[in-house]
């Protein structure tokens, strides 16, 4: 998953325009929440991949018996 072009600027601008004078603290909090959510999603995806490989390996071992 490539996040090099991941940009929160449009989201921050939207939050500021909706809330009027939204403080930078709220925008920073929204940014941190987004980063955390993306990070947790990446970790969950990686764990699923590892589990999938473990299951494939276990099934392959059963077939070899």
C-alpha atoms as a PDB file:
ATOM      1  CA  UNK A   1       0.000   0.000   0.000  1.00  0.00           C
ATOM      2  CA  UNK A   2       1.595   3.216  -1.162  1.00  0.00           C
ATOM      3  CA  UNK A   3       0.719   6.301   0.887  1.00  0.00           C
ATOM      4  CA  UNK A   4       3.269   8.675  -0.630  1.00  0.00           C
ATOM      5  CA  UNK A   5       0.545  10.726  -2.331  1.00  0.00           C
ATOM      6  CA  UNK A   6      -1.823  10.616   0.631  1.00  0.00           C
ATOM      7  CA  UNK A   7      -2.821  14.226   1.289  1.00  0.00           C
ATOM      8  CA  UNK A   8      -5.058  15.471   4.081  1.00  0.00           C
ATOM      9  CA  UNK A   9      -5.090  19.090   2.937  1.00  0.00           C
ATOM     10  CA  UNK A  10      -8.509  18.838   1.207  1.00  0.00           C
ATOM     11  CA  UNK A  11      -9.995  17.224   4.305  1.00  0.00           C
ATOM     12  CA  UNK A  12      -8.563  19.877   6.588  1.00  0.00           C
ATOM     13  CA  UNK A  13      -9.887  22.636   4.304  1.00  0.00           C
ATOM     14  CA  UNK A  14     -13.347  21.030   4.362  1.00  0.00           C
ATOM     15  CA  UNK A  15     -13.302  20.792   8.141  1.00  0.00           C
ATOM     16  CA  UNK A  16     -12.287  24.435   8.382  1.00  0.00           C
ATOM     17  CA  UNK A  17     -14.974  25.597   5.950  1.00  0.00           C
ATOM     18  CA  UNK A  18     -17.730  23.604   7.667  1.00  0.00           C
ATOM     19  CA  UNK A  19     -16.803  24.738  11.142  1.00  0.00           C
ATOM     20  CA  UNK A  20     -16.043  28.284  10.202  1.00  0.00           C
ATOM     21  CA  UNK A  21     -13.222  29.242  12.506  1.00  0.00           C
ATOM     22  CA  UNK A  22     -12.117  25.737  13.435  1.00  0.00           C
ATOM     23  CA  UNK A  23      -9.016  25.915  15.565  1.00  0.00           C
ATOM     24  CA  UNK A  24      -5.811  24.379  14.315  1.00  0.00           C
ATOM     25  CA  UNK A  25      -6.016  22.006  17.279  1.00  0.00           C
ATOM     26  CA  UNK A  26      -9.163  20.413  15.867  1.00  0.00           C
ATOM     27  CA  UNK A  27      -7.548  20.129  12.445  1.00  0.00           C
ATOM     28  CA  UNK A  28      -4.445  18.582  14.002  1.00  0.00           C
ATOM     29  CA  UNK A  29      -6.618  16.131  15.923  1.00  0.00           C
ATOM     30  CA  UNK A  30      -8.448  15.143  12.738  1.00  0.00           C
ATOM     31  CA  UNK A  31      -5.112  14.619  11.013  1.00  0.00           C
ATOM     32  CA  UNK A  32      -3.799  12.442  13.842  1.00  0.00           C
ATOM     33  CA  UNK A  33      -7.013  10.374  13.929  1.00  0.00           C
ATOM     34  CA  UNK A  34      -6.743   9.793  10.187  1.00  0.00           C
ATOM     35  CA  UNK A  35      -3.093   8.757  10.437  1.00  0.00           C
ATOM     36  CA  UNK A  36      -3.929   6.396  13.281  1.00  0.00           C
ATOM     37  CA  UNK A  37      -6.829   4.843  11.374  1.00  0.00           C
ATOM     38  CA  UNK A  38      -4.679   4.315   8.283  1.00  0.00           C
ATOM     39  CA  UNK A  39      -1.887   2.836  10.388  1.00  0.00           C
ATOM     40  CA  UNK A  40      -4.245   0.417  12.120  1.00  0.00           C
ATOM     41  CA  UNK A  41      -5.690  -0.560   8.755  1.00  0.00           C
ATOM     42  CA  UNK A  42      -2.222  -1.324   7.398  1.00  0.00           C
ATOM     43  CA  UNK A  43      -1.370  -3.410  10.466  1.00  0.00           C
ATOM     44  CA  UNK A  44      -4.650  -5.340  10.202  1.00  0.00           C
ATOM     45  CA  UNK A  45      -4.028  -6.037   6.514  1.00  0.00           C
ATOM     46  CA  UNK A  46      -0.527  -7.306   7.265  1.00  0.00           C
ATOM     47  CA  UNK A  47      -1.815  -9.604  10.010  1.00  0.00           C
ATOM     48  CA  UNK A  48      -4.413 -11.010   7.620  1.00  0.00           C
ATOM     49  CA  UNK A  49      -1.724 -11.712   5.061  1.00  0.00           C
ATOM     50  CA  UNK A  50       0.428 -13.526   7.623  1.00  0.00           C
ATOM     51  CA  UNK A  51      -2.558 -15.577   8.788  1.00  0.00           C
ATOM     52  CA  UNK A  52      -3.451 -16.440   5.177  1.00  0.00           C
ATOM     53  CA  UNK A  53       0.094 -17.700   4.571  1.00  0.00           C
ATOM     54  CA  UNK A  54      -0.010 -19.774   7.761  1.00  0.00           C
ATOM     55  CA  UNK A  55      -3.278 -21.397   6.663  1.00  0.00           C
ATOM     56  CA  UNK A  56      -1.893 -22.095   3.177  1.00  0.00           C
ATOM     57  CA  UNK A  57       1.201 -23.677   4.718  1.00  0.00           C
ATOM     58  CA  UNK A  58      -0.921 -25.830   7.058  1.00  0.00           C
ATOM     59  CA  UNK A  59      -3.122 -27.004   4.172  1.00  0.00           C
ATOM     60  CA  UNK A  60      -0.072 -27.787   2.048  1.00  0.00           C
ATOM     61  CA  UNK A  61       1.396 -29.842   4.911  1.00  0.00           C
ATOM     62  CA  UNK A  62      -1.869 -31.805   5.201  1.00  0.00           C
ATOM     63  CA  UNK A  63      -1.822 -32.578   1.473  1.00  0.00           C
ATOM     64  CA  UNK A  64       1.746 -33.887   1.678  1.00  0.00           C
ATOM     65  CA  UNK A  65       0.851 -36.488   4.293  1.00  0.00           C
END
